[in-house]
Amino acid sequence: NKRVKGQHMHTKLLAIVVLFLAGIAPVLATPHIQHWRAPSGARVYFVENHDLPMLDLTVTFAAGSGFDTAEKSGLAGLTHRLLDLGAEGLSEDEIARNLADIGAQFGKNFDADRAGLSLRTLSSVAERTRALEIMAHVLQHPLFQENILAREKTRLIAGLKEDETKPESIAEKAFSKAVFGSHPYGLPSPGEVATAEGIQRADIEAFYRSHYSAKNSVVTIMGDVTRAEAEAIAQKLTGELPQGVEAAQIAPVSMQIKANEQRIVHPATQSHILMGAPGMARKDPDYFALYVGNHILGGGGFISRLMHEIREKRGLAYSV
């Protein structure tokens, strides 16, 4: 009886495990990513999902701060900053108000390599259509008005002057220069006061035409639309972009850093310490293992081992 009972329990446990694995299998399944080239030349990535009546999409370009020059440092960021501040037939206030009326949201993406715009909207036809019309105008027909440019330059320069007083900003600028030298990655991303003051509307328009082209764009779409609808959306957002060639690539980084130490005197009450060493390319097979290890060691904020050692073992209270 004990053996029969044991076999019965084993069978029951096995059945529970099978049901559990069957239940989580869809959760762990990799999403099916469809990929194609739009007639405009844009690269498109699409995940169809009808679980929620939502649509998320992003259009990015090889137009990050790495495409700046020493003479025009900050040009890429300022172009991106002005992108949704007025378009053909739409003022910046009308863009914001019309999006709010339909419950849609714009987001911005900008780093050393890429720049772009994202949209989240309801997938219902009326709301989706209006949101896409606004985004299409912003991406394809920006105005870069002189008065808006002057205002944003004033804001940018004020921010840059403030950064010149902050120890963390001073340290980050020195660190980037030490790591990347004369490479564009070593330029300050927001720019510098002297270069920002010299940026004109013609510079903005020229950067837009050469970097925000259809062939230089990547469109990602996820949500409650069909493949046919996604194809139409991608073409609508990129079909009237400048039809230039694909932008030039950022030169590879040659890591030839000599060990060195810099000490910058600053009348701050706290010290800011930045340490670094050459890492590895994203394509390296060990990249993600190192990324996870770094997150565990110190990149995970208050849950990292380094923070645990400094805070908890030293008797300092903290909350998460």
C-alpha atoms as a PDB file:
ATOM      1  CA  ASN A   1       0.000   0.000   0.000  1.00  0.00           C
ATOM      2  CA  LYS A   2       2.834   2.354   0.825  1.00  0.00           C
ATOM      3  CA  ARG A   3       4.455   1.675  -2.542  1.00  0.00           C
ATOM      4  CA  VAL A   4       1.155   2.192  -4.391  1.00  0.00           C
ATOM      5  CA  LYS A   5       0.583   5.390  -2.426  1.00  0.00           C
ATOM      6  CA  GLY A   6       4.124   6.558  -3.217  1.00  0.00           C
ATOM      7  CA  GLN A   7       3.657   5.854  -6.924  1.00  0.00           C
ATOM      8  CA  HIS A   8       0.373   7.750  -6.831  1.00  0.00           C
ATOM      9  CA  MET A   9       2.039  10.753  -5.189  1.00  0.00           C
ATOM     10  CA  HIS A  10       4.896  10.623  -7.696  1.00  0.00           C
ATOM     11  CA  THR A  11       2.408  10.553 -10.594  1.00  0.00           C
ATOM     12  CA  LYS A  12       0.449  13.448  -9.070  1.00  0.00           C
ATOM     13  CA  LEU A  13       3.633  15.495  -8.575  1.00  0.00           C
ATOM     14  CA  LEU A  14       4.742  14.789 -12.143  1.00  0.00           C
ATOM     15  CA  ALA A  15       1.346  15.891 -13.437  1.00  0.00           C
ATOM     16  CA  ILE A  16       1.579  19.145 -11.442  1.00  0.00           C
ATOM     17  CA  VAL A  17       5.070  19.853 -12.828  1.00  0.00           C
ATOM     18  CA  VAL A  18       3.904  19.191 -16.397  1.00  0.00           C
ATOM     19  CA  LEU A  19       0.916  21.504 -15.940  1.00  0.00           C
ATOM     20  CA  PHE A  20       3.143  24.176 -14.400  1.00  0.00           C
ATOM     21  CA  LEU A  21       5.638  24.029 -17.253  1.00  0.00           C
ATOM     22  CA  ALA A  22       2.815  24.081 -19.782  1.00  0.00           C
ATOM     23  CA  GLY A  23       1.419  27.164 -18.063  1.00  0.00           C
ATOM     24  CA  ILE A  24       4.671  29.144 -18.133  1.00  0.00           C
ATOM     25  CA  ALA A  25       5.788  28.060 -21.606  1.00  0.00           C
ATOM     26  CA  PRO A  26       3.891  30.852 -23.399  1.00  0.00           C
ATOM     27  CA  VAL A  27       5.362  33.386 -20.971  1.00  0.00           C
ATOM     28  CA  LEU A  28       8.907  32.270 -21.729  1.00  0.00           C
ATOM     29  CA  ALA A  29       8.343  32.043 -25.481  1.00  0.00           C
ATOM     30  CA  THR A  30      10.401  34.437 -27.591  1.00  0.00           C
ATOM     31  CA  PRO A  31       8.177  36.928 -29.438  1.00  0.00           C
ATOM     32  CA  HIS A  32       7.947  36.457 -33.172  1.00  0.00           C
ATOM     33  CA  ILE A  33       9.739  39.440 -34.710  1.00  0.00           C
ATOM     34  CA  GLN A  34       8.908  40.125 -38.346  1.00  0.00           C
ATOM     35  CA  HIS A  35      11.393  42.131 -40.394  1.00  0.00           C
ATOM     36  CA  TRP A  36      11.294  43.821 -43.791  1.00  0.00           C
ATOM     37  CA  ARG A  37      12.378  46.852 -45.797  1.00  0.00           C
ATOM     38  CA  ALA A  38       9.697  49.460 -46.425  1.00  0.00           C
ATOM     39  CA  PRO A  39       9.396  50.960 -49.926  1.00  0.00           C
ATOM     40  CA  SER A  40      10.996  54.100 -48.474  1.00  0.00           C
ATOM     41  CA  GLY A  41      14.109  52.112 -47.579  1.00  0.00           C
ATOM     42  CA  ALA A  42      13.460  52.051 -43.825  1.00  0.00           C
ATOM     43  CA  ARG A  43      14.219  48.877 -41.889  1.00  0.00           C
ATOM     44  CA  VAL A  44      11.123  47.679 -40.043  1.00  0.00           C
ATOM     45  CA  TYR A  45      10.748  45.308 -37.065  1.00  0.00           C
ATOM     46  CA  PHE A  46       7.254  44.253 -36.042  1.00  0.00           C
ATOM     47  CA  VAL A  47       5.745  42.201 -33.200  1.00  0.00           C
ATOM     48  CA  GLU A  48       1.998  41.583 -33.519  1.00  0.00           C
ATOM     49  CA  ASN A  49       0.183  41.419 -30.180  1.00  0.00           C
ATOM     50  CA  HIS A  50      -3.564  41.836 -29.665  1.00  0.00           C
ATOM     51  CA  ASP A  51      -3.663  41.323 -25.894  1.00  0.00           C
ATOM     52  CA  LEU A  52      -4.153  45.057 -25.256  1.00  0.00           C
ATOM     53  CA  PRO A  53      -5.689  47.770 -27.459  1.00  0.00           C
ATOM     54  CA  MET A  54      -2.355  49.598 -27.588  1.00  0.00           C
ATOM     55  CA  LEU A  55       0.277  50.462 -30.162  1.00  0.00           C
ATOM     56  CA  ASP A  56       3.908  51.255 -29.375  1.00  0.00           C
ATOM     57  CA  LEU A  57       6.334  52.323 -32.047  1.00  0.00           C
ATOM     58  CA  THR A  58       9.734  53.967 -32.359  1.00  0.00           C
ATOM     59  CA  VAL A  59      11.551  55.537 -35.294  1.00  0.00           C
ATOM     60  CA  THR A  60      15.288  55.987 -34.776  1.00  0.00           C
ATOM     61  CA  PHE A  61      18.166  57.254 -36.899  1.00  0.00           C
ATOM     62  CA  ALA A  62      21.957  57.082 -36.812  1.00  0.00           C
ATOM     63  CA  ALA A  63      21.987  60.669 -35.571  1.00  0.00           C
ATOM     64  CA  GLY A  64      23.404  60.585 -32.048  1.00  0.00           C
ATOM     65  CA  SER A  65      26.078  62.765 -30.494  1.00  0.00           C
ATOM     66  CA  GLY A  66      28.777  60.562 -32.019  1.00  0.00           C
ATOM     67  CA  PHE A  67      28.087  62.331 -35.327  1.00  0.00           C
ATOM     68  CA  ASP A  68      29.062  65.715 -33.871  1.00  0.00           C
ATOM     69  CA  THR A  69      32.320  67.445 -34.729  1.00  0.00           C
ATOM     70  CA  ALA A  70      34.560  69.424 -32.397  1.00  0.00           C
ATOM     71  CA  GLU A  71      33.512  72.629 -34.202  1.00  0.00           C
ATOM     72  CA  LYS A  72      29.779  71.875 -33.916  1.00  0.00           C
ATOM     73  CA  SER A  73      29.614  69.914 -30.672  1.00  0.00           C
ATOM     74  CA  GLY A  74      25.986  69.762 -29.528  1.00  0.00           C
ATOM     75  CA  LEU A  75      24.485  70.001 -33.022  1.00  0.00           C
ATOM     76  CA  ALA A  76      23.037  66.477 -32.983  1.00  0.00           C
ATOM     77  CA  GLY A  77      21.403  67.007 -29.600  1.00  0.00           C
ATOM     78  CA  LEU A  78      19.965  70.399 -30.507  1.00  0.00           C
ATOM     79  CA  THR A  79      18.504  69.033 -33.767  1.00  0.00           C
ATOM     80  CA  HIS A  80      16.823  66.235 -31.840  1.00  0.00           C
ATOM     81  CA  ARG A  81      15.642  68.699 -29.199  1.00  0.00           C
ATOM     82  CA  LEU A  82      13.824  70.806 -31.825  1.00  0.00           C
ATOM     83  CA  LEU A  83      12.289  67.885 -33.681  1.00  0.00           C
ATOM     84  CA  ASP A  84       8.859  67.946 -31.996  1.00  0.00           C
ATOM     85  CA  LEU A  85       8.710  71.690 -31.286  1.00  0.00           C
ATOM     86  CA  GLY A  86       6.785  72.644 -34.388  1.00  0.00           C
ATOM     87  CA  ALA A  87       5.965  70.962 -37.680  1.00  0.00           C
ATOM     88  CA  GLU A  88       4.248  71.903 -40.931  1.00  0.00           C
ATOM     89  CA  GLY A  89       0.724  72.994 -39.956  1.00  0.00           C
ATOM     90  CA  LEU A  90       1.295  72.333 -36.242  1.00  0.00           C
ATOM     91  CA  SER A  91       2.761  74.546 -33.538  1.00  0.00           C
ATOM     92  CA  GLU A  92       4.449  72.966 -30.529  1.00  0.00           C
ATOM     93  CA  ASP A  93       1.364  73.760 -28.417  1.00  0.00           C
ATOM     94  CA  GLU A  94      -0.939  72.128 -30.975  1.00  0.00           C
ATOM     95  CA  ILE A  95       1.241  69.018 -31.082  1.00  0.00           C
ATOM     96  CA  ALA A  96       1.073  68.643 -27.296  1.00  0.00           C
ATOM     97  CA  ARG A  97      -2.642  69.476 -27.084  1.00  0.00           C
ATOM     98  CA  ASN A  98      -3.705  67.148 -29.902  1.00  0.00           C
ATOM     99  CA  LEU A  99      -1.762  64.252 -28.399  1.00  0.00           C
ATOM    100  CA  ALA A 100      -3.324  64.905 -24.992  1.00  0.00           C
ATOM    101  CA  ASP A 101      -6.810  64.966 -26.526  1.00  0.00           C
ATOM    102  CA  ILE A 102      -6.442  61.391 -27.796  1.00  0.00           C
ATOM    103  CA  GLY A 103      -4.417  60.098 -24.824  1.00  0.00           C
ATOM    104  CA  ALA A 104      -1.247  59.527 -26.863  1.00  0.00           C
ATOM    105  CA  GLN A 105       2.311  60.084 -25.675  1.00  0.00           C
ATOM    106  CA  PHE A 106       5.527  61.063 -27.405  1.00  0.00           C
ATOM    107  CA  GLY A 107       8.904  59.957 -26.087  1.00  0.00           C
ATOM    108  CA  LYS A 108      12.420  60.832 -27.184  1.00  0.00           C
ATOM    109  CA  ASN A 109      15.493  58.623 -27.581  1.00  0.00           C
ATOM    110  CA  PHE A 110      19.002  60.069 -27.800  1.00  0.00           C
ATOM    111  CA  ASP A 111      22.465  58.665 -27.125  1.00  0.00           C
ATOM    112  CA  ALA A 112      25.897  58.626 -28.707  1.00  0.00           C
ATOM    113  CA  ASP A 113      24.790  56.463 -31.635  1.00  0.00           C
ATOM    114  CA  ARG A 114      21.099  56.997 -32.328  1.00  0.00           C
ATOM    115  CA  ALA A 115      18.303  59.534 -32.005  1.00  0.00           C
ATOM    116  CA  GLY A 116      14.586  59.167 -32.517  1.00  0.00           C
ATOM    117  CA  LEU A 117      11.014  59.538 -31.448  1.00  0.00           C
ATOM    118  CA  SER A 118       8.581  57.045 -29.897  1.00  0.00           C
ATOM    119  CA  LEU A 119       4.788  56.967 -29.729  1.00  0.00           C
ATOM    120  CA  ARG A 120       2.298  55.166 -27.515  1.00  0.00           C
ATOM    121  CA  THR A 121      -1.353  55.341 -28.510  1.00  0.00           C
ATOM    122  CA  LEU A 122      -4.623  53.455 -28.410  1.00  0.00           C
ATOM    123  CA  SER A 123      -4.961  51.110 -31.375  1.00  0.00           C
ATOM    124  CA  SER A 124      -8.547  52.133 -32.177  1.00  0.00           C
ATOM    125  CA  VAL A 125      -8.692  53.525 -35.701  1.00  0.00           C
ATOM    126  CA  ALA A 126      -9.662  57.134 -34.868  1.00  0.00           C
ATOM    127  CA  GLU A 127      -7.055  57.649 -32.135  1.00  0.00           C
ATOM    128  CA  ARG A 128      -4.342  55.702 -33.933  1.00  0.00           C
ATOM    129  CA  THR A 129      -4.855  57.568 -37.197  1.00  0.00           C
ATOM    130  CA  ARG A 130      -4.662  60.991 -35.552  1.00  0.00           C
ATOM    131  CA  ALA A 131      -1.580  60.084 -33.494  1.00  0.00           C
ATOM    132  CA  LEU A 132       0.226  58.750 -36.560  1.00  0.00           C
ATOM    133  CA  GLU A 133      -0.611  61.869 -38.559  1.00  0.00           C
ATOM    134  CA  ILE A 134       0.994  64.032 -35.879  1.00  0.00           C
ATOM    135  CA  MET A 135       4.076  61.831 -35.654  1.00  0.00           C
ATOM    136  CA  ALA A 136       4.440  61.735 -39.447  1.00  0.00           C
ATOM    137  CA  HIS A 137       4.385  65.544 -39.581  1.00  0.00           C
ATOM    138  CA  VAL A 138       6.888  65.873 -36.742  1.00  0.00           C
ATOM    139  CA  LEU A 139       9.338  63.407 -38.284  1.00  0.00           C
ATOM    140  CA  GLN A 140       9.025  64.426 -41.919  1.00  0.00           C
ATOM    141  CA  HIS A 141       8.184  68.143 -41.846  1.00  0.00           C
ATOM    142  CA  PRO A 142       9.847  69.800 -38.818  1.00  0.00           C
ATOM    143  CA  LEU A 143      10.020  73.599 -38.972  1.00  0.00           C
ATOM    144  CA  PHE A 144      13.106  74.419 -36.877  1.00  0.00           C
ATOM    145  CA  GLN A 145      11.753  77.941 -36.399  1.00  0.00           C
ATOM    146  CA  GLU A 146      14.242  80.703 -35.597  1.00  0.00           C
ATOM    147  CA  ASN A 147      12.424  81.858 -32.453  1.00  0.00           C
ATOM    148  CA  ILE A 148      12.192  78.300 -31.100  1.00  0.00           C
ATOM    149  CA  LEU A 149      15.862  77.698 -31.922  1.00  0.00           C
ATOM    150  CA  ALA A 150      16.879  80.881 -30.099  1.00  0.00           C
ATOM    151  CA  ARG A 151      14.851  79.878 -27.045  1.00  0.00           C
ATOM    152  CA  GLU A 152      16.238  76.349 -26.910  1.00  0.00           C
ATOM    153  CA  LYS A 153      19.804  77.564 -27.432  1.00  0.00           C
ATOM    154  CA  THR A 154      19.350  79.908 -24.466  1.00  0.00           C
ATOM    155  CA  ARG A 155      18.101  77.011 -22.350  1.00  0.00           C
ATOM    156  CA  LEU A 156      20.922  74.746 -23.529  1.00  0.00           C
ATOM    157  CA  ILE A 157      23.627  77.319 -22.832  1.00  0.00           C
ATOM    158  CA  ALA A 158      22.193  78.044 -19.375  1.00  0.00           C
ATOM    159  CA  GLY A 159      22.296  74.307 -18.629  1.00  0.00           C
ATOM    160  CA  LEU A 160      25.875  74.012 -19.921  1.00  0.00           C
ATOM    161  CA  LYS A 161      27.023  76.909 -17.744  1.00  0.00           C
ATOM    162  CA  GLU A 162      25.385  75.286 -14.742  1.00  0.00           C
ATOM    163  CA  ASP A 163      27.122  71.985 -15.569  1.00  0.00           C
ATOM    164  CA  GLU A 164      30.460  73.800 -15.443  1.00  0.00           C
ATOM    165  CA  THR A 165      29.878  74.278 -11.700  1.00  0.00           C
ATOM    166  CA  LYS A 166      28.838  70.691 -10.923  1.00  0.00           C
ATOM    167  CA  PRO A 167      31.588  68.276  -9.857  1.00  0.00           C
ATOM    168  CA  GLU A 168      29.817  65.247 -11.373  1.00  0.00           C
ATOM    169  CA  SER A 169      29.541  66.962 -14.775  1.00  0.00           C
ATOM    170  CA  ILE A 170      33.153  68.121 -14.670  1.00  0.00           C
ATOM    171  CA  ALA A 171      34.299  64.585 -13.772  1.00  0.00           C
ATOM    172  CA  GLU A 172      32.229  62.922 -16.513  1.00  0.00           C
ATOM    173  CA  LYS A 173      33.560  65.325 -19.134  1.00  0.00           C
ATOM    174  CA  ALA A 174      37.165  64.685 -18.075  1.00  0.00           C
ATOM    175  CA  PHE A 175      36.557  60.926 -17.959  1.00  0.00           C
ATOM    176  CA  SER A 176      35.120  60.796 -21.503  1.00  0.00           C
ATOM    177  CA  LYS A 177      38.044  62.796 -22.798  1.00  0.00           C
ATOM    178  CA  ALA A 178      40.524  60.490 -21.071  1.00  0.00           C
ATOM    179  CA  VAL A 179      38.873  57.350 -22.468  1.00  0.00           C
ATOM    180  CA  PHE A 180      38.039  58.417 -26.028  1.00  0.00           C
ATOM    181  CA  GLY A 181      40.518  61.219 -26.706  1.00  0.00           C
ATOM    182  CA  SER A 182      39.773  62.974 -29.998  1.00  0.00           C
ATOM    183  CA  HIS A 183      37.122  60.420 -31.046  1.00  0.00           C
ATOM    184  CA  PRO A 184      33.566  61.884 -31.292  1.00  0.00           C
ATOM    185  CA  TYR A 185      32.546  59.784 -28.271  1.00  0.00           C
ATOM    186  CA  GLY A 186      34.899  61.990 -26.260  1.00  0.00           C
ATOM    187  CA  LEU A 187      32.956  65.156 -27.080  1.00  0.00           C
ATOM    188  CA  PRO A 188      30.516  66.393 -24.420  1.00  0.00           C
ATOM    189  CA  SER A 189      27.071  65.155 -25.479  1.00  0.00           C
ATOM    190  CA  PRO A 190      25.137  68.372 -24.743  1.00  0.00           C
ATOM    191  CA  GLY A 191      27.932  70.375 -26.381  1.00  0.00           C
ATOM    192  CA  GLU A 192      29.901  73.293 -25.039  1.00  0.00           C
ATOM    193  CA  VAL A 193      28.950  76.926 -24.563  1.00  0.00           C
ATOM    194  CA  ALA A 194      31.232  78.200 -27.340  1.00  0.00           C
ATOM    195  CA  THR A 195      30.052  75.672 -29.935  1.00  0.00           C
ATOM    196  CA  ALA A 196      26.377  75.893 -28.960  1.00  0.00           C
ATOM    197  CA  GLU A 197      26.381  79.665 -29.437  1.00  0.00           C
ATOM    198  CA  GLY A 198      27.585  79.248 -33.012  1.00  0.00           C
ATOM    199  CA  ILE A 199      24.932  76.739 -34.164  1.00  0.00           C
ATOM    200  CA  GLN A 200      22.583  78.274 -36.735  1.00  0.00           C
ATOM    201  CA  ARG A 201      19.324  77.137 -38.304  1.00  0.00           C
ATOM    202  CA  ALA A 202      21.180  76.189 -41.494  1.00  0.00           C
ATOM    203  CA  ASP A 203      23.335  73.800 -39.461  1.00  0.00           C
ATOM    204  CA  ILE A 204      20.218  72.192 -37.954  1.00  0.00           C
ATOM    205  CA  GLU A 205      18.556  71.758 -41.334  1.00  0.00           C
ATOM    206  CA  ALA A 206      21.702  70.329 -42.917  1.00  0.00           C
ATOM    207  CA  PHE A 207      22.148  67.804 -40.093  1.00  0.00           C
ATOM    208  CA  TYR A 208      18.497  66.783 -40.370  1.00  0.00           C
ATOM    209  CA  ARG A 209      18.706  66.240 -44.143  1.00  0.00           C
ATOM    210  CA  SER A 210      21.877  64.169 -43.927  1.00  0.00           C
ATOM    211  CA  HIS A 211      20.986  62.014 -40.900  1.00  0.00           C
ATOM    212  CA  TYR A 212      17.185  61.818 -40.700  1.00  0.00           C
ATOM    213  CA  SER A 213      16.780  60.098 -44.051  1.00  0.00           C
ATOM    214  CA  ALA A 214      14.500  57.181 -44.862  1.00  0.00           C
ATOM    215  CA  LYS A 215      17.388  54.839 -45.651  1.00  0.00           C
ATOM    216  CA  ASN A 216      18.936  55.760 -42.313  1.00  0.00           C
ATOM    217  CA  SER A 217      15.818  54.951 -40.269  1.00  0.00           C
ATOM    218  CA  VAL A 218      14.760  51.944 -38.203  1.00  0.00           C
ATOM    219  CA  VAL A 219      11.068  51.536 -37.364  1.00  0.00           C
ATOM    220  CA  THR A 220       9.952  49.234 -34.550  1.00  0.00           C
ATOM    221  CA  ILE A 221       6.245  48.503 -34.151  1.00  0.00           C
ATOM    222  CA  MET A 222       4.590  46.426 -31.446  1.00  0.00           C
ATOM    223  CA  GLY A 223       0.948  46.039 -30.580  1.00  0.00           C
ATOM    224  CA  ASP A 224      -2.602  45.656 -31.715  1.00  0.00           C
ATOM    225  CA  VAL A 225      -2.231  45.935 -35.515  1.00  0.00           C
ATOM    226  CA  THR A 226      -1.912  43.450 -38.352  1.00  0.00           C
ATOM    227  CA  ARG A 227       1.105  42.954 -40.619  1.00  0.00           C
ATOM    228  CA  ALA A 228      -0.640  44.855 -43.418  1.00  0.00           C
ATOM    229  CA  GLU A 229      -1.432  47.751 -41.080  1.00  0.00           C
ATOM    230  CA  ALA A 230       2.159  47.760 -39.791  1.00  0.00           C
ATOM    231  CA  GLU A 231       3.485  47.985 -43.357  1.00  0.00           C
ATOM    232  CA  ALA A 232       1.246  50.989 -44.035  1.00  0.00           C
ATOM    233  CA  ILE A 233       2.306  52.658 -40.770  1.00  0.00           C
ATOM    234  CA  ALA A 234       6.027  52.260 -41.494  1.00  0.00           C
ATOM    235  CA  GLN A 235       5.640  53.746 -44.955  1.00  0.00           C
ATOM    236  CA  LYS A 236       3.469  56.604 -43.669  1.00  0.00           C
ATOM    237  CA  LEU A 237       6.133  57.598 -41.124  1.00  0.00           C
ATOM    238  CA  THR A 238       9.128  57.369 -43.476  1.00  0.00           C
ATOM    239  CA  GLY A 239       7.846  57.815 -47.020  1.00  0.00           C
ATOM    240  CA  GLU A 240       8.411  61.596 -47.031  1.00  0.00           C
ATOM    241  CA  LEU A 241      11.692  61.662 -45.125  1.00  0.00           C
ATOM    242  CA  PRO A 242      14.750  63.044 -46.947  1.00  0.00           C
ATOM    243  CA  GLN A 243      15.823  60.476 -49.519  1.00  0.00           C
ATOM    244  CA  GLY A 244      19.534  60.729 -48.883  1.00  0.00           C
ATOM    245  CA  VAL A 245      22.012  57.894 -48.691  1.00  0.00           C
ATOM    246  CA  GLU A 246      22.655  56.007 -45.504  1.00  0.00           C
ATOM    247  CA  ALA A 247      24.627  58.134 -43.048  1.00  0.00           C
ATOM    248  CA  ALA A 248      28.337  57.596 -42.651  1.00  0.00           C
ATOM    249  CA  GLN A 249      29.308  55.275 -39.830  1.00  0.00           C
ATOM    250  CA  ILE A 250      31.035  56.473 -36.679  1.00  0.00           C
ATOM    251  CA  ALA A 251      34.720  55.592 -36.821  1.00  0.00           C
ATOM    252  CA  PRO A 252      35.692  52.545 -34.741  1.00  0.00           C
ATOM    253  CA  VAL A 253      37.145  53.265 -31.316  1.00  0.00           C
ATOM    254  CA  SER A 254      40.806  52.374 -30.973  1.00  0.00           C
ATOM    255  CA  MET A 255      41.398  51.633 -27.297  1.00  0.00           C
ATOM    256  CA  GLN A 256      44.987  52.656 -26.576  1.00  0.00           C
ATOM    257  CA  ILE A 257      44.508  54.094 -23.110  1.00  0.00           C
ATOM    258  CA  LYS A 258      47.496  54.513 -20.855  1.00  0.00           C
ATOM    259  CA  ALA A 259      46.896  54.051 -17.152  1.00  0.00           C
ATOM    260  CA  ASN A 260      46.550  57.454 -15.574  1.00  0.00           C
ATOM    261  CA  GLU A 261      44.967  59.324 -12.725  1.00  0.00           C
ATOM    262  CA  GLN A 262      43.435  62.784 -12.762  1.00  0.00           C
ATOM    263  CA  ARG A 263      42.592  64.816  -9.694  1.00  0.00           C
ATOM    264  CA  ILE A 264      40.380  67.845 -10.173  1.00  0.00           C
ATOM    265  CA  VAL A 265      40.145  70.273  -7.279  1.00  0.00           C
ATOM    266  CA  HIS A 266      36.592  71.434  -6.540  1.00  0.00           C
ATOM    267  CA  PRO A 267      35.061  73.106  -3.449  1.00  0.00           C
ATOM    268  CA  ALA A 268      32.411  70.413  -3.030  1.00  0.00           C
ATOM    269  CA  THR A 269      31.547  68.610   0.204  1.00  0.00           C
ATOM    270  CA  GLN A 270      31.533  65.210  -1.515  1.00  0.00           C
ATOM    271  CA  SER A 271      34.081  63.423  -3.677  1.00  0.00           C
ATOM    272  CA  HIS A 272      33.178  62.012  -7.082  1.00  0.00           C
ATOM    273  CA  ILE A 273      35.290  59.072  -8.189  1.00  0.00           C
ATOM    274  CA  LEU A 274      35.094  57.613 -11.706  1.00  0.00           C
ATOM    275  CA  MET A 275      37.054  54.486 -12.590  1.00  0.00           C
ATOM    276  CA  GLY A 276      37.131  52.671 -15.893  1.00  0.00           C
ATOM    277  CA  ALA A 277      39.031  50.391 -18.215  1.00  0.00           C
ATOM    278  CA  PRO A 278      38.569  49.202 -21.802  1.00  0.00           C
ATOM    279  CA  GLY A 279      35.598  46.844 -22.038  1.00  0.00           C
ATOM    280  CA  MET A 280      34.347  44.689 -24.863  1.00  0.00           C
ATOM    281  CA  ALA A 281      32.201  45.089 -27.957  1.00  0.00           C
ATOM    282  CA  ARG A 282      28.501  44.264 -27.808  1.00  0.00           C
ATOM    283  CA  LYS A 283      29.086  41.479 -30.330  1.00  0.00           C
ATOM    284  CA  ASP A 284      31.604  39.761 -28.045  1.00  0.00           C
ATOM    285  CA  PRO A 285      30.263  36.351 -26.878  1.00  0.00           C
ATOM    286  CA  ASP A 286      31.026  37.293 -23.257  1.00  0.00           C
ATOM    287  CA  TYR A 287      29.264  40.677 -23.421  1.00  0.00           C
ATOM    288  CA  PHE A 288      26.038  39.705 -21.659  1.00  0.00           C
ATOM    289  CA  ALA A 289      27.830  37.594 -19.042  1.00  0.00           C
ATOM    290  CA  LEU A 290      29.952  40.623 -18.159  1.00  0.00           C
ATOM    291  CA  TYR A 291      26.867  42.875 -18.230  1.00  0.00           C
ATOM    292  CA  VAL A 292      25.076  40.661 -15.685  1.00  0.00           C
ATOM    293  CA  GLY A 293      28.201  40.388 -13.555  1.00  0.00           C
ATOM    294  CA  ASN A 294      28.608  44.155 -13.524  1.00  0.00           C
ATOM    295  CA  HIS A 295      24.952  44.570 -12.530  1.00  0.00           C
ATOM    296  CA  ILE A 296      25.418  42.174  -9.603  1.00  0.00           C
ATOM    297  CA  LEU A 297      28.669  43.786  -8.459  1.00  0.00           C
ATOM    298  CA  GLY A 298      27.817  47.475  -8.615  1.00  0.00           C
ATOM    299  CA  GLY A 299      25.492  48.381 -11.466  1.00  0.00           C
ATOM    300  CA  GLY A 300      22.325  47.257  -9.713  1.00  0.00           C
ATOM    301  CA  GLY A 301      21.986  50.293  -7.465  1.00  0.00           C
ATOM    302  CA  PHE A 302      20.815  49.564  -3.935  1.00  0.00           C
ATOM    303  CA  ILE A 303      20.606  45.811  -4.570  1.00  0.00           C
ATOM    304  CA  SER A 304      24.212  45.454  -5.776  1.00  0.00           C
ATOM    305  CA  ARG A 305      26.915  43.761  -3.701  1.00  0.00           C
ATOM    306  CA  LEU A 306      29.011  46.902  -3.603  1.00  0.00           C
ATOM    307  CA  MET A 307      26.127  48.938  -2.193  1.00  0.00           C
ATOM    308  CA  HIS A 308      25.323  46.152   0.279  1.00  0.00           C
ATOM    309  CA  GLU A 309      28.940  46.144   1.489  1.00  0.00           C
ATOM    310  CA  ILE A 310      29.174  49.917   1.853  1.00  0.00           C
ATOM    311  CA  ARG A 311      25.732  50.601   3.255  1.00  0.00           C
ATOM    312  CA  GLU A 312      24.613  47.601   5.267  1.00  0.00           C
ATOM    313  CA  LYS A 313      27.925  46.349   6.649  1.00  0.00           C
ATOM    314  CA  ARG A 314      29.010  49.873   7.516  1.00  0.00           C
ATOM    315  CA  GLY A 315      25.808  50.437   9.457  1.00  0.00           C
ATOM    316  CA  LEU A 316      24.230  52.955   7.090  1.00  0.00           C
ATOM    317  CA  ALA A 317      20.462  52.745   6.703  1.00  0.00           C
ATOM    318  CA  TYR A 318      18.853  52.807   3.300  1.00  0.00           C
ATOM    319  CA  SER A 319      15.527  51.956   1.704  1.00  0.00           C
ATOM    320  CA  VAL A 320      14.505  50.715  -1.739  1.00  0.00           C
END
